[in-house]
């Protein structure tokens, strides 16, 4: 009996070894074909622009295409839900923004867990949101804007409920102490266009989306949301230096896999992304979009998302926001 049991154990190990070897081989040679890359916002949005810059370089480094699919809607949660349900084999990737950690606060009934159902890979960096108005609004400074906003029920657009552009506006509005009506759109370009035309009073848009409008003087930048001024708009003050406490909002962009993606694949892509963002041609393009480098490990990225989920829920409560 002992001999037979020993034989069965050896046989089981022999059968398992080829399977483990194949798995290790597959992970070690990843990727062997195209990687579906979901950006849960419209084409031309900040996340789309930045994601394409970075992932095109990663494609060159790895010799496989990261094929972009724009799946906008519900502040990024539509595309995120698709990735959460995908096979965790390293061939479906989510390239998203800080809206990812806002989803539980904005959409209490979402069908996925932004922390538990994903594995953070790497941040591309952080981008300031910039508060913009049309020249027709009749103000030149953020203080003038707040004074006028307190005399009327202003409207503000965003790239969707729960998007980073929505959260930045709510955080500023709460700090500055004025009321307003939120008007969500499917992406940044649409939200910015509505401000430019004067149909919506203001928005807090990612610099990547807002910059062409600013350069053409179709909108006026009043303040940026980061703790320090943006190198791309050095003459524009921060909301903090303008006197609005706790009004800053970090708008990150980065990549995540489904949670059970093998760790060797997560670590491999993290290394490739960190390499890509340092490549001179890529770094200059990102800087031109106002992005600041923010290197983190996959574990630090996961921890960041958990902290932000809690902070965003607190913001919703403090601002008295109601979501359906």
C-alpha atoms as a PDB file:
ATOM      1  CA  UNK A   1       0.000   0.000   0.000  1.00  0.00           C
ATOM      2  CA  UNK A   2       2.815   2.352   0.886  1.00  0.00           C
ATOM      3  CA  UNK A   3       4.506   1.662  -2.434  1.00  0.00           C
ATOM      4  CA  UNK A   4       1.275   2.257  -4.377  1.00  0.00           C
ATOM      5  CA  UNK A   5       0.576   5.532  -2.523  1.00  0.00           C
ATOM      6  CA  UNK A   6       4.135   6.691  -3.235  1.00  0.00           C
ATOM      7  CA  UNK A   7       3.662   5.834  -6.915  1.00  0.00           C
ATOM      8  CA  UNK A   8       0.400   7.831  -7.072  1.00  0.00           C
ATOM      9  CA  UNK A   9       2.057  10.845  -5.478  1.00  0.00           C
ATOM     10  CA  UNK A  10       4.892  10.686  -7.963  1.00  0.00           C
ATOM     11  CA  UNK A  11       2.441  10.262 -10.836  1.00  0.00           C
ATOM     12  CA  UNK A  12       0.404  13.274  -9.674  1.00  0.00           C
ATOM     13  CA  UNK A  13       3.517  15.389  -9.423  1.00  0.00           C
ATOM     14  CA  UNK A  14       4.624  14.294 -12.859  1.00  0.00           C
ATOM     15  CA  UNK A  15       1.274  15.274 -14.340  1.00  0.00           C
ATOM     16  CA  UNK A  16       1.262  18.642 -12.572  1.00  0.00           C
ATOM     17  CA  UNK A  17       4.813  19.564 -13.547  1.00  0.00           C
ATOM     18  CA  UNK A  18       4.134  20.028 -17.294  1.00  0.00           C
ATOM     19  CA  UNK A  19       1.067  22.174 -16.518  1.00  0.00           C
ATOM     20  CA  UNK A  20       3.072  24.377 -14.140  1.00  0.00           C
ATOM     21  CA  UNK A  21       5.874  24.587 -16.655  1.00  0.00           C
ATOM     22  CA  UNK A  22       3.474  25.670 -19.383  1.00  0.00           C
ATOM     23  CA  UNK A  23       2.001  28.330 -17.085  1.00  0.00           C
ATOM     24  CA  UNK A  24       5.446  29.621 -16.128  1.00  0.00           C
ATOM     25  CA  UNK A  25       6.461  29.624 -19.798  1.00  0.00           C
ATOM     26  CA  UNK A  26       3.331  31.554 -20.786  1.00  0.00           C
ATOM     27  CA  UNK A  27       3.905  34.144 -18.069  1.00  0.00           C
ATOM     28  CA  UNK A  28       7.584  34.446 -18.859  1.00  0.00           C
ATOM     29  CA  UNK A  29       6.889  35.025 -22.560  1.00  0.00           C
ATOM     30  CA  UNK A  30       3.954  37.394 -22.061  1.00  0.00           C
ATOM     31  CA  UNK A  31       2.651  38.976 -24.218  1.00  0.00           C
ATOM     32  CA  UNK A  32       2.445  36.602 -27.161  1.00  0.00           C
ATOM     33  CA  UNK A  33      -0.405  38.471 -28.883  1.00  0.00           C
ATOM     34  CA  UNK A  34      -2.349  41.760 -28.766  1.00  0.00           C
ATOM     35  CA  UNK A  35      -3.488  43.121 -25.411  1.00  0.00           C
ATOM     36  CA  UNK A  36      -6.984  44.594 -25.302  1.00  0.00           C
ATOM     37  CA  UNK A  37      -6.645  47.990 -23.585  1.00  0.00           C
ATOM     38  CA  UNK A  38      -9.878  49.591 -22.382  1.00  0.00           C
ATOM     39  CA  UNK A  39      -9.970  53.349 -21.777  1.00  0.00           C
ATOM     40  CA  UNK A  40     -13.335  54.060 -20.112  1.00  0.00           C
ATOM     41  CA  UNK A  41     -13.639  57.592 -21.492  1.00  0.00           C
ATOM     42  CA  UNK A  42     -14.214  59.115 -24.925  1.00  0.00           C
ATOM     43  CA  UNK A  43     -11.528  59.693 -27.532  1.00  0.00           C
ATOM     44  CA  UNK A  44      -9.770  63.015 -26.941  1.00  0.00           C
ATOM     45  CA  UNK A  45     -10.232  62.921 -23.169  1.00  0.00           C
ATOM     46  CA  UNK A  46      -7.191  63.389 -20.921  1.00  0.00           C
ATOM     47  CA  UNK A  47      -7.103  59.665 -20.118  1.00  0.00           C
ATOM     48  CA  UNK A  48      -7.299  58.798 -23.801  1.00  0.00           C
ATOM     49  CA  UNK A  49      -4.524  61.198 -24.835  1.00  0.00           C
ATOM     50  CA  UNK A  50      -2.160  60.135 -22.048  1.00  0.00           C
ATOM     51  CA  UNK A  51      -2.986  56.451 -22.335  1.00  0.00           C
ATOM     52  CA  UNK A  52      -2.195  56.377 -26.047  1.00  0.00           C
ATOM     53  CA  UNK A  53       1.130  58.176 -25.547  1.00  0.00           C
ATOM     54  CA  UNK A  54       2.308  55.687 -22.926  1.00  0.00           C
ATOM     55  CA  UNK A  55       0.896  52.455 -24.338  1.00  0.00           C
ATOM     56  CA  UNK A  56       2.229  53.122 -27.843  1.00  0.00           C
ATOM     57  CA  UNK A  57       5.725  53.166 -26.347  1.00  0.00           C
ATOM     58  CA  UNK A  58       5.015  50.039 -24.281  1.00  0.00           C
ATOM     59  CA  UNK A  59       3.857  48.337 -27.484  1.00  0.00           C
ATOM     60  CA  UNK A  60       7.201  49.140 -29.104  1.00  0.00           C
ATOM     61  CA  UNK A  61       9.137  47.871 -26.092  1.00  0.00           C
ATOM     62  CA  UNK A  62       7.270  44.552 -25.885  1.00  0.00           C
ATOM     63  CA  UNK A  63       6.749  43.983 -29.592  1.00  0.00           C
ATOM     64  CA  UNK A  64       2.983  43.488 -29.243  1.00  0.00           C
ATOM     65  CA  UNK A  65       0.102  45.887 -29.811  1.00  0.00           C
ATOM     66  CA  UNK A  66      -1.926  47.268 -26.918  1.00  0.00           C
ATOM     67  CA  UNK A  67      -5.142  47.827 -28.835  1.00  0.00           C
ATOM     68  CA  UNK A  68      -7.114  50.795 -27.462  1.00  0.00           C
ATOM     69  CA  UNK A  69     -10.890  50.542 -27.034  1.00  0.00           C
ATOM     70  CA  UNK A  70     -12.781  53.621 -25.801  1.00  0.00           C
ATOM     71  CA  UNK A  71     -15.701  52.467 -23.628  1.00  0.00           C
ATOM     72  CA  UNK A  72     -17.074  55.669 -22.120  1.00  0.00           C
ATOM     73  CA  UNK A  73     -20.021  56.076 -19.802  1.00  0.00           C
ATOM     74  CA  UNK A  74     -20.986  56.501 -16.137  1.00  0.00           C
ATOM     75  CA  UNK A  75     -17.767  58.218 -15.104  1.00  0.00           C
ATOM     76  CA  UNK A  76     -15.595  55.364 -16.317  1.00  0.00           C
ATOM     77  CA  UNK A  77     -17.537  52.602 -14.584  1.00  0.00           C
ATOM     78  CA  UNK A  78     -18.932  51.062 -17.802  1.00  0.00           C
ATOM     79  CA  UNK A  79     -15.495  50.249 -19.185  1.00  0.00           C
ATOM     80  CA  UNK A  80     -14.125  49.281 -15.769  1.00  0.00           C
ATOM     81  CA  UNK A  81     -16.938  46.755 -15.293  1.00  0.00           C
ATOM     82  CA  UNK A  82     -16.051  45.109 -18.610  1.00  0.00           C
ATOM     83  CA  UNK A  83     -12.425  44.674 -17.545  1.00  0.00           C
ATOM     84  CA  UNK A  84     -13.417  43.404 -14.088  1.00  0.00           C
ATOM     85  CA  UNK A  85     -15.362  40.579 -15.784  1.00  0.00           C
ATOM     86  CA  UNK A  86     -12.524  39.702 -18.180  1.00  0.00           C
ATOM     87  CA  UNK A  87     -10.147  36.765 -17.910  1.00  0.00           C
ATOM     88  CA  UNK A  88      -7.196  37.533 -15.653  1.00  0.00           C
ATOM     89  CA  UNK A  89      -4.671  36.281 -18.196  1.00  0.00           C
ATOM     90  CA  UNK A  90      -2.777  39.490 -18.909  1.00  0.00           C
ATOM     91  CA  UNK A  91      -4.592  40.204 -22.167  1.00  0.00           C
ATOM     92  CA  UNK A  92      -7.172  42.723 -20.937  1.00  0.00           C
ATOM     93  CA  UNK A  93      -5.958  45.967 -19.374  1.00  0.00           C
ATOM     94  CA  UNK A  94      -7.739  49.014 -17.946  1.00  0.00           C
ATOM     95  CA  UNK A  95      -6.142  52.419 -18.543  1.00  0.00           C
ATOM     96  CA  UNK A  96      -8.052  54.860 -16.411  1.00  0.00           C
ATOM     97  CA  UNK A  97      -7.933  57.861 -14.092  1.00  0.00           C
ATOM     98  CA  UNK A  98      -8.776  58.892 -10.542  1.00  0.00           C
ATOM     99  CA  UNK A  99     -12.460  58.408 -11.382  1.00  0.00           C
ATOM    100  CA  UNK A 100     -11.786  54.720 -10.748  1.00  0.00           C
ATOM    101  CA  UNK A 101     -11.593  55.233  -6.991  1.00  0.00           C
ATOM    102  CA  UNK A 102     -14.577  57.598  -7.021  1.00  0.00           C
ATOM    103  CA  UNK A 103     -16.971  55.029  -8.484  1.00  0.00           C
ATOM    104  CA  UNK A 104     -18.179  53.496  -5.174  1.00  0.00           C
ATOM    105  CA  UNK A 105     -19.162  56.939  -3.896  1.00  0.00           C
ATOM    106  CA  UNK A 106     -20.860  58.029  -7.121  1.00  0.00           C
ATOM    107  CA  UNK A 107     -22.429  54.693  -8.041  1.00  0.00           C
ATOM    108  CA  UNK A 108     -23.287  52.720  -4.868  1.00  0.00           C
ATOM    109  CA  UNK A 109     -24.780  49.904  -6.951  1.00  0.00           C
ATOM    110  CA  UNK A 110     -21.843  49.240  -9.285  1.00  0.00           C
ATOM    111  CA  UNK A 111     -21.323  45.558 -10.045  1.00  0.00           C
ATOM    112  CA  UNK A 112     -17.586  45.465  -9.320  1.00  0.00           C
ATOM    113  CA  UNK A 113     -15.144  46.424  -6.571  1.00  0.00           C
ATOM    114  CA  UNK A 114     -12.605  49.039  -7.805  1.00  0.00           C
ATOM    115  CA  UNK A 115     -10.131  47.820  -5.175  1.00  0.00           C
ATOM    116  CA  UNK A 116     -10.813  44.091  -4.822  1.00  0.00           C
ATOM    117  CA  UNK A 117     -11.454  43.299  -8.495  1.00  0.00           C
ATOM    118  CA  UNK A 118      -8.312  44.981  -9.837  1.00  0.00           C
ATOM    119  CA  UNK A 119      -4.556  44.839  -9.452  1.00  0.00           C
ATOM    120  CA  UNK A 120      -2.811  48.186  -9.746  1.00  0.00           C
ATOM    121  CA  UNK A 121       0.077  48.079 -12.235  1.00  0.00           C
ATOM    122  CA  UNK A 122       1.608  51.553 -12.570  1.00  0.00           C
ATOM    123  CA  UNK A 123       0.794  55.240 -12.621  1.00  0.00           C
ATOM    124  CA  UNK A 124       1.652  57.274 -15.709  1.00  0.00           C
ATOM    125  CA  UNK A 125       1.632  60.360 -13.477  1.00  0.00           C
ATOM    126  CA  UNK A 126      -0.711  63.065 -12.222  1.00  0.00           C
ATOM    127  CA  UNK A 127      -2.320  65.870 -14.204  1.00  0.00           C
ATOM    128  CA  UNK A 128      -3.721  69.115 -12.803  1.00  0.00           C
ATOM    129  CA  UNK A 129      -7.358  69.887 -13.326  1.00  0.00           C
ATOM    130  CA  UNK A 130      -7.800  73.483 -14.407  1.00  0.00           C
ATOM    131  CA  UNK A 131     -10.855  75.586 -13.607  1.00  0.00           C
ATOM    132  CA  UNK A 132     -11.948  77.219 -16.863  1.00  0.00           C
ATOM    133  CA  UNK A 133     -14.660  79.656 -17.935  1.00  0.00           C
ATOM    134  CA  UNK A 134     -15.594  81.270 -21.219  1.00  0.00           C
ATOM    135  CA  UNK A 135     -14.465  84.873 -21.812  1.00  0.00           C
ATOM    136  CA  UNK A 136     -18.159  85.760 -21.940  1.00  0.00           C
ATOM    137  CA  UNK A 137     -18.540  84.822 -18.250  1.00  0.00           C
ATOM    138  CA  UNK A 138     -16.864  88.135 -17.469  1.00  0.00           C
ATOM    139  CA  UNK A 139     -14.242  87.282 -14.847  1.00  0.00           C
ATOM    140  CA  UNK A 140     -10.430  87.271 -14.890  1.00  0.00           C
ATOM    141  CA  UNK A 141      -9.532  85.689 -11.523  1.00  0.00           C
ATOM    142  CA  UNK A 142     -10.734  82.762  -9.456  1.00  0.00           C
ATOM    143  CA  UNK A 143     -11.751  85.151  -6.654  1.00  0.00           C
ATOM    144  CA  UNK A 144     -13.944  87.116  -9.076  1.00  0.00           C
ATOM    145  CA  UNK A 145     -15.429  83.841 -10.262  1.00  0.00           C
ATOM    146  CA  UNK A 146     -16.349  82.719  -6.722  1.00  0.00           C
ATOM    147  CA  UNK A 147     -17.883  86.112  -5.914  1.00  0.00           C
ATOM    148  CA  UNK A 148     -20.081  85.880  -9.017  1.00  0.00           C
ATOM    149  CA  UNK A 149     -20.906  82.210  -8.414  1.00  0.00           C
ATOM    150  CA  UNK A 150     -22.284  83.120  -4.993  1.00  0.00           C
ATOM    151  CA  UNK A 151     -24.852  85.414  -6.612  1.00  0.00           C
ATOM    152  CA  UNK A 152     -26.387  82.780  -8.919  1.00  0.00           C
ATOM    153  CA  UNK A 153     -26.854  79.037  -9.328  1.00  0.00           C
ATOM    154  CA  UNK A 154     -23.979  78.288 -11.671  1.00  0.00           C
ATOM    155  CA  UNK A 155     -23.708  75.216 -13.859  1.00  0.00           C
ATOM    156  CA  UNK A 156     -20.602  73.053 -14.189  1.00  0.00           C
ATOM    157  CA  UNK A 157     -19.833  70.300 -16.648  1.00  0.00           C
ATOM    158  CA  UNK A 158     -17.731  67.156 -16.286  1.00  0.00           C
ATOM    159  CA  UNK A 159     -16.625  64.047 -18.148  1.00  0.00           C
ATOM    160  CA  UNK A 160     -19.311  62.103 -16.297  1.00  0.00           C
ATOM    161  CA  UNK A 161     -20.747  61.512 -12.844  1.00  0.00           C
ATOM    162  CA  UNK A 162     -17.928  60.389 -10.570  1.00  0.00           C
ATOM    163  CA  UNK A 163     -15.186  61.342 -13.030  1.00  0.00           C
ATOM    164  CA  UNK A 164     -12.068  63.142 -11.812  1.00  0.00           C
ATOM    165  CA  UNK A 165     -13.392  66.309 -13.456  1.00  0.00           C
ATOM    166  CA  UNK A 166     -16.619  65.992 -11.470  1.00  0.00           C
ATOM    167  CA  UNK A 167     -14.808  65.373  -8.196  1.00  0.00           C
ATOM    168  CA  UNK A 168     -12.402  68.287  -8.719  1.00  0.00           C
ATOM    169  CA  UNK A 169     -15.328  70.655  -9.267  1.00  0.00           C
ATOM    170  CA  UNK A 170     -17.212  69.370  -6.221  1.00  0.00           C
ATOM    171  CA  UNK A 171     -14.157  69.665  -4.002  1.00  0.00           C
ATOM    172  CA  UNK A 172     -13.564  73.251  -5.137  1.00  0.00           C
ATOM    173  CA  UNK A 173     -17.235  74.198  -4.895  1.00  0.00           C
ATOM    174  CA  UNK A 174     -17.448  72.832  -1.361  1.00  0.00           C
ATOM    175  CA  UNK A 175     -14.324  74.720  -0.285  1.00  0.00           C
ATOM    176  CA  UNK A 176     -15.356  77.995  -1.937  1.00  0.00           C
ATOM    177  CA  UNK A 177     -18.895  77.804  -0.558  1.00  0.00           C
ATOM    178  CA  UNK A 178     -21.180  78.257  -3.556  1.00  0.00           C
ATOM    179  CA  UNK A 179     -24.024  76.208  -5.013  1.00  0.00           C
ATOM    180  CA  UNK A 180     -24.267  74.831  -8.510  1.00  0.00           C
ATOM    181  CA  UNK A 181     -25.869  72.358 -10.880  1.00  0.00           C
ATOM    182  CA  UNK A 182     -23.797  69.525 -12.281  1.00  0.00           C
ATOM    183  CA  UNK A 183     -24.133  68.788 -16.016  1.00  0.00           C
ATOM    184  CA  UNK A 184     -22.324  65.517 -16.882  1.00  0.00           C
ATOM    185  CA  UNK A 185     -21.167  64.487 -20.351  1.00  0.00           C
ATOM    186  CA  UNK A 186     -19.545  61.352 -21.782  1.00  0.00           C
ATOM    187  CA  UNK A 187     -16.077  62.872 -22.012  1.00  0.00           C
ATOM    188  CA  UNK A 188     -13.811  65.856 -21.497  1.00  0.00           C
ATOM    189  CA  UNK A 189     -14.022  67.346 -25.008  1.00  0.00           C
ATOM    190  CA  UNK A 190     -17.810  67.609 -24.826  1.00  0.00           C
ATOM    191  CA  UNK A 191     -17.721  69.090 -21.321  1.00  0.00           C
ATOM    192  CA  UNK A 192     -15.109  71.668 -22.339  1.00  0.00           C
ATOM    193  CA  UNK A 193     -16.976  72.618 -25.510  1.00  0.00           C
ATOM    194  CA  UNK A 194     -20.091  73.416 -23.481  1.00  0.00           C
ATOM    195  CA  UNK A 195     -18.076  75.828 -21.329  1.00  0.00           C
ATOM    196  CA  UNK A 196     -16.450  77.401 -24.380  1.00  0.00           C
ATOM    197  CA  UNK A 197     -19.855  78.136 -25.921  1.00  0.00           C
ATOM    198  CA  UNK A 198     -21.179  79.594 -22.670  1.00  0.00           C
ATOM    199  CA  UNK A 199     -23.949  77.021 -22.361  1.00  0.00           C
ATOM    200  CA  UNK A 200     -22.308  75.836 -19.105  1.00  0.00           C
ATOM    201  CA  UNK A 201     -20.598  78.247 -16.700  1.00  0.00           C
ATOM    202  CA  UNK A 202     -17.419  76.361 -15.738  1.00  0.00           C
ATOM    203  CA  UNK A 203     -15.630  73.050 -15.385  1.00  0.00           C
ATOM    204  CA  UNK A 204     -12.497  71.675 -13.750  1.00  0.00           C
ATOM    205  CA  UNK A 205     -10.964  69.877 -16.694  1.00  0.00           C
ATOM    206  CA  UNK A 206      -7.720  67.924 -17.043  1.00  0.00           C
ATOM    207  CA  UNK A 207      -5.098  70.155 -18.623  1.00  0.00           C
ATOM    208  CA  UNK A 208      -4.608  67.633 -21.441  1.00  0.00           C
ATOM    209  CA  UNK A 209      -8.160  68.220 -22.686  1.00  0.00           C
ATOM    210  CA  UNK A 210      -8.361  71.927 -21.840  1.00  0.00           C
ATOM    211  CA  UNK A 211      -4.998  73.082 -23.209  1.00  0.00           C
ATOM    212  CA  UNK A 212      -5.981  73.452 -26.899  1.00  0.00           C
ATOM    213  CA  UNK A 213      -8.961  75.626 -25.863  1.00  0.00           C
ATOM    214  CA  UNK A 214      -6.752  77.682 -23.543  1.00  0.00           C
ATOM    215  CA  UNK A 215      -4.109  78.246 -26.235  1.00  0.00           C
ATOM    216  CA  UNK A 216      -6.796  79.398 -28.678  1.00  0.00           C
ATOM    217  CA  UNK A 217      -8.121  81.759 -25.960  1.00  0.00           C
ATOM    218  CA  UNK A 218     -11.551  80.159 -26.204  1.00  0.00           C
ATOM    219  CA  UNK A 219     -11.567  79.605 -22.450  1.00  0.00           C
ATOM    220  CA  UNK A 220      -9.817  81.341 -19.540  1.00  0.00           C
ATOM    221  CA  UNK A 221      -7.847  79.282 -16.988  1.00  0.00           C
ATOM    222  CA  UNK A 222      -8.486  80.593 -13.475  1.00  0.00           C
ATOM    223  CA  UNK A 223      -6.790  78.062 -11.179  1.00  0.00           C
ATOM    224  CA  UNK A 224      -5.252  74.574 -11.094  1.00  0.00           C
ATOM    225  CA  UNK A 225      -6.117  71.873  -8.566  1.00  0.00           C
ATOM    226  CA  UNK A 226      -2.630  70.639  -7.687  1.00  0.00           C
ATOM    227  CA  UNK A 227      -0.709  71.648  -4.520  1.00  0.00           C
ATOM    228  CA  UNK A 228       1.868  73.476  -6.657  1.00  0.00           C
ATOM    229  CA  UNK A 229       1.552  75.352  -9.944  1.00  0.00           C
ATOM    230  CA  UNK A 230       1.675  73.471 -13.206  1.00  0.00           C
ATOM    231  CA  UNK A 231       4.810  73.867 -15.313  1.00  0.00           C
ATOM    232  CA  UNK A 232       2.587  74.044 -18.381  1.00  0.00           C
ATOM    233  CA  UNK A 233       0.525  76.969 -16.960  1.00  0.00           C
ATOM    234  CA  UNK A 234       3.016  78.695 -14.639  1.00  0.00           C
ATOM    235  CA  UNK A 235       1.057  81.952 -14.460  1.00  0.00           C
ATOM    236  CA  UNK A 236      -2.129  80.264 -13.238  1.00  0.00           C
ATOM    237  CA  UNK A 237      -2.419  80.051  -9.421  1.00  0.00           C
ATOM    238  CA  UNK A 238      -3.418  76.940  -7.506  1.00  0.00           C
ATOM    239  CA  UNK A 239      -6.765  76.863  -5.757  1.00  0.00           C
ATOM    240  CA  UNK A 240      -4.869  76.519  -2.472  1.00  0.00           C
ATOM    241  CA  UNK A 241      -2.786  79.646  -2.938  1.00  0.00           C
ATOM    242  CA  UNK A 242      -5.958  81.455  -3.983  1.00  0.00           C
ATOM    243  CA  UNK A 243      -7.196  80.792  -0.461  1.00  0.00           C
ATOM    244  CA  UNK A 244      -9.505  77.782  -0.808  1.00  0.00           C
ATOM    245  CA  UNK A 245      -8.548  75.229   1.840  1.00  0.00           C
ATOM    246  CA  UNK A 246      -8.688  71.503   0.961  1.00  0.00           C
ATOM    247  CA  UNK A 247      -9.646  72.334  -2.613  1.00  0.00           C
ATOM    248  CA  UNK A 248      -6.789  70.434  -4.269  1.00  0.00           C
ATOM    249  CA  UNK A 249      -7.548  67.216  -6.104  1.00  0.00           C
ATOM    250  CA  UNK A 250      -5.050  64.678  -7.443  1.00  0.00           C
ATOM    251  CA  UNK A 251      -5.957  63.493 -10.935  1.00  0.00           C
ATOM    252  CA  UNK A 252      -3.878  60.410 -11.653  1.00  0.00           C
ATOM    253  CA  UNK A 253      -3.744  58.262 -14.748  1.00  0.00           C
ATOM    254  CA  UNK A 254      -2.555  54.677 -14.797  1.00  0.00           C
ATOM    255  CA  UNK A 255      -3.087  51.032 -15.682  1.00  0.00           C
ATOM    256  CA  UNK A 256      -4.759  48.141 -13.851  1.00  0.00           C
ATOM    257  CA  UNK A 257      -5.282  44.456 -14.586  1.00  0.00           C
ATOM    258  CA  UNK A 258      -8.103  42.200 -13.344  1.00  0.00           C
ATOM    259  CA  UNK A 259      -7.248  41.184  -9.767  1.00  0.00           C
ATOM    260  CA  UNK A 260      -6.128  37.592 -10.348  1.00  0.00           C
ATOM    261  CA  UNK A 261      -3.698  38.387 -13.152  1.00  0.00           C
ATOM    262  CA  UNK A 262      -0.460  36.475 -12.428  1.00  0.00           C
ATOM    263  CA  UNK A 263       1.981  38.581 -10.425  1.00  0.00           C
ATOM    264  CA  UNK A 264       4.885  38.043 -12.877  1.00  0.00           C
ATOM    265  CA  UNK A 265       2.770  39.658 -15.617  1.00  0.00           C
ATOM    266  CA  UNK A 266       1.749  42.568 -13.357  1.00  0.00           C
ATOM    267  CA  UNK A 267       5.369  43.172 -12.391  1.00  0.00           C
ATOM    268  CA  UNK A 268       6.559  42.881 -16.000  1.00  0.00           C
ATOM    269  CA  UNK A 269       4.103  45.482 -17.261  1.00  0.00           C
ATOM    270  CA  UNK A 270       4.824  47.763 -14.290  1.00  0.00           C
ATOM    271  CA  UNK A 271       8.515  47.715 -15.210  1.00  0.00           C
ATOM    272  CA  UNK A 272       7.749  48.389 -18.876  1.00  0.00           C
ATOM    273  CA  UNK A 273       5.432  51.318 -18.101  1.00  0.00           C
ATOM    274  CA  UNK A 274       7.957  52.865 -15.719  1.00  0.00           C
ATOM    275  CA  UNK A 275      10.574  52.489 -18.447  1.00  0.00           C
ATOM    276  CA  UNK A 276       8.252  53.986 -21.073  1.00  0.00           C
ATOM    277  CA  UNK A 277       7.390  57.155 -19.142  1.00  0.00           C
ATOM    278  CA  UNK A 278      11.119  57.881 -18.697  1.00  0.00           C
ATOM    279  CA  UNK A 279      11.883  57.509 -22.404  1.00  0.00           C
ATOM    280  CA  UNK A 280      12.819  61.062 -23.550  1.00  0.00           C
ATOM    281  CA  UNK A 281      10.310  61.255 -26.400  1.00  0.00           C
ATOM    282  CA  UNK A 282       7.468  60.032 -24.197  1.00  0.00           C
ATOM    283  CA  UNK A 283       8.486  62.164 -21.218  1.00  0.00           C
ATOM    284  CA  UNK A 284       8.452  65.321 -23.352  1.00  0.00           C
ATOM    285  CA  UNK A 285       4.998  64.483 -24.727  1.00  0.00           C
ATOM    286  CA  UNK A 286       3.633  63.860 -21.231  1.00  0.00           C
ATOM    287  CA  UNK A 287       5.165  67.072 -19.938  1.00  0.00           C
ATOM    288  CA  UNK A 288       3.552  68.962 -22.814  1.00  0.00           C
ATOM    289  CA  UNK A 289       0.216  67.609 -21.557  1.00  0.00           C
ATOM    290  CA  UNK A 290       0.922  68.913 -18.050  1.00  0.00           C
ATOM    291  CA  UNK A 291       1.646  65.489 -16.536  1.00  0.00           C
ATOM    292  CA  UNK A 292       3.943  65.196 -13.526  1.00  0.00           C
ATOM    293  CA  UNK A 293       5.776  61.900 -12.935  1.00  0.00           C
ATOM    294  CA  UNK A 294       4.416  59.923  -9.954  1.00  0.00           C
ATOM    295  CA  UNK A 295       6.275  56.616  -9.631  1.00  0.00           C
ATOM    296  CA  UNK A 296       4.679  53.994  -7.361  1.00  0.00           C
ATOM    297  CA  UNK A 297       4.925  50.229  -6.966  1.00  0.00           C
ATOM    298  CA  UNK A 298       1.906  48.018  -7.747  1.00  0.00           C
ATOM    299  CA  UNK A 299       1.334  47.565  -3.994  1.00  0.00           C
ATOM    300  CA  UNK A 300       1.478  51.330  -3.415  1.00  0.00           C
ATOM    301  CA  UNK A 301      -0.996  51.836  -6.263  1.00  0.00           C
ATOM    302  CA  UNK A 302      -3.429  49.368  -4.647  1.00  0.00           C
ATOM    303  CA  UNK A 303      -3.105  51.198  -1.315  1.00  0.00           C
ATOM    304  CA  UNK A 304      -3.700  54.569  -3.010  1.00  0.00           C
ATOM    305  CA  UNK A 305      -6.966  53.340  -4.512  1.00  0.00           C
ATOM    306  CA  UNK A 306      -8.209  52.085  -1.136  1.00  0.00           C
ATOM    307  CA  UNK A 307      -7.415  55.429   0.530  1.00  0.00           C
ATOM    308  CA  UNK A 308      -9.130  57.386  -2.213  1.00  0.00           C
ATOM    309  CA  UNK A 309     -12.279  55.250  -2.069  1.00  0.00           C
ATOM    310  CA  UNK A 310     -12.679  56.203   1.613  1.00  0.00           C
ATOM    311  CA  UNK A 311     -11.863  59.880   0.964  1.00  0.00           C
ATOM    312  CA  UNK A 312     -14.358  60.129  -1.902  1.00  0.00           C
ATOM    313  CA  UNK A 313     -17.141  58.652   0.199  1.00  0.00           C
ATOM    314  CA  UNK A 314     -16.367  61.280   2.849  1.00  0.00           C
ATOM    315  CA  UNK A 315     -16.503  64.027   0.199  1.00  0.00           C
ATOM    316  CA  UNK A 316     -19.936  62.905  -0.972  1.00  0.00           C
ATOM    317  CA  UNK A 317     -21.206  63.035   2.583  1.00  0.00           C
ATOM    318  CA  UNK A 318     -19.659  66.437   3.315  1.00  0.00           C
ATOM    319  CA  UNK A 319     -20.964  67.979   0.108  1.00  0.00           C
ATOM    320  CA  UNK A 320     -24.434  66.482   0.540  1.00  0.00           C
ATOM    321  CA  UNK A 321     -24.315  64.931  -2.918  1.00  0.00           C
ATOM    322  CA  UNK A 322     -27.147  62.626  -3.954  1.00  0.00           C
ATOM    323  CA  UNK A 323     -26.714  59.976  -6.621  1.00  0.00           C
ATOM    324  CA  UNK A 324     -29.328  57.707  -8.093  1.00  0.00           C
END
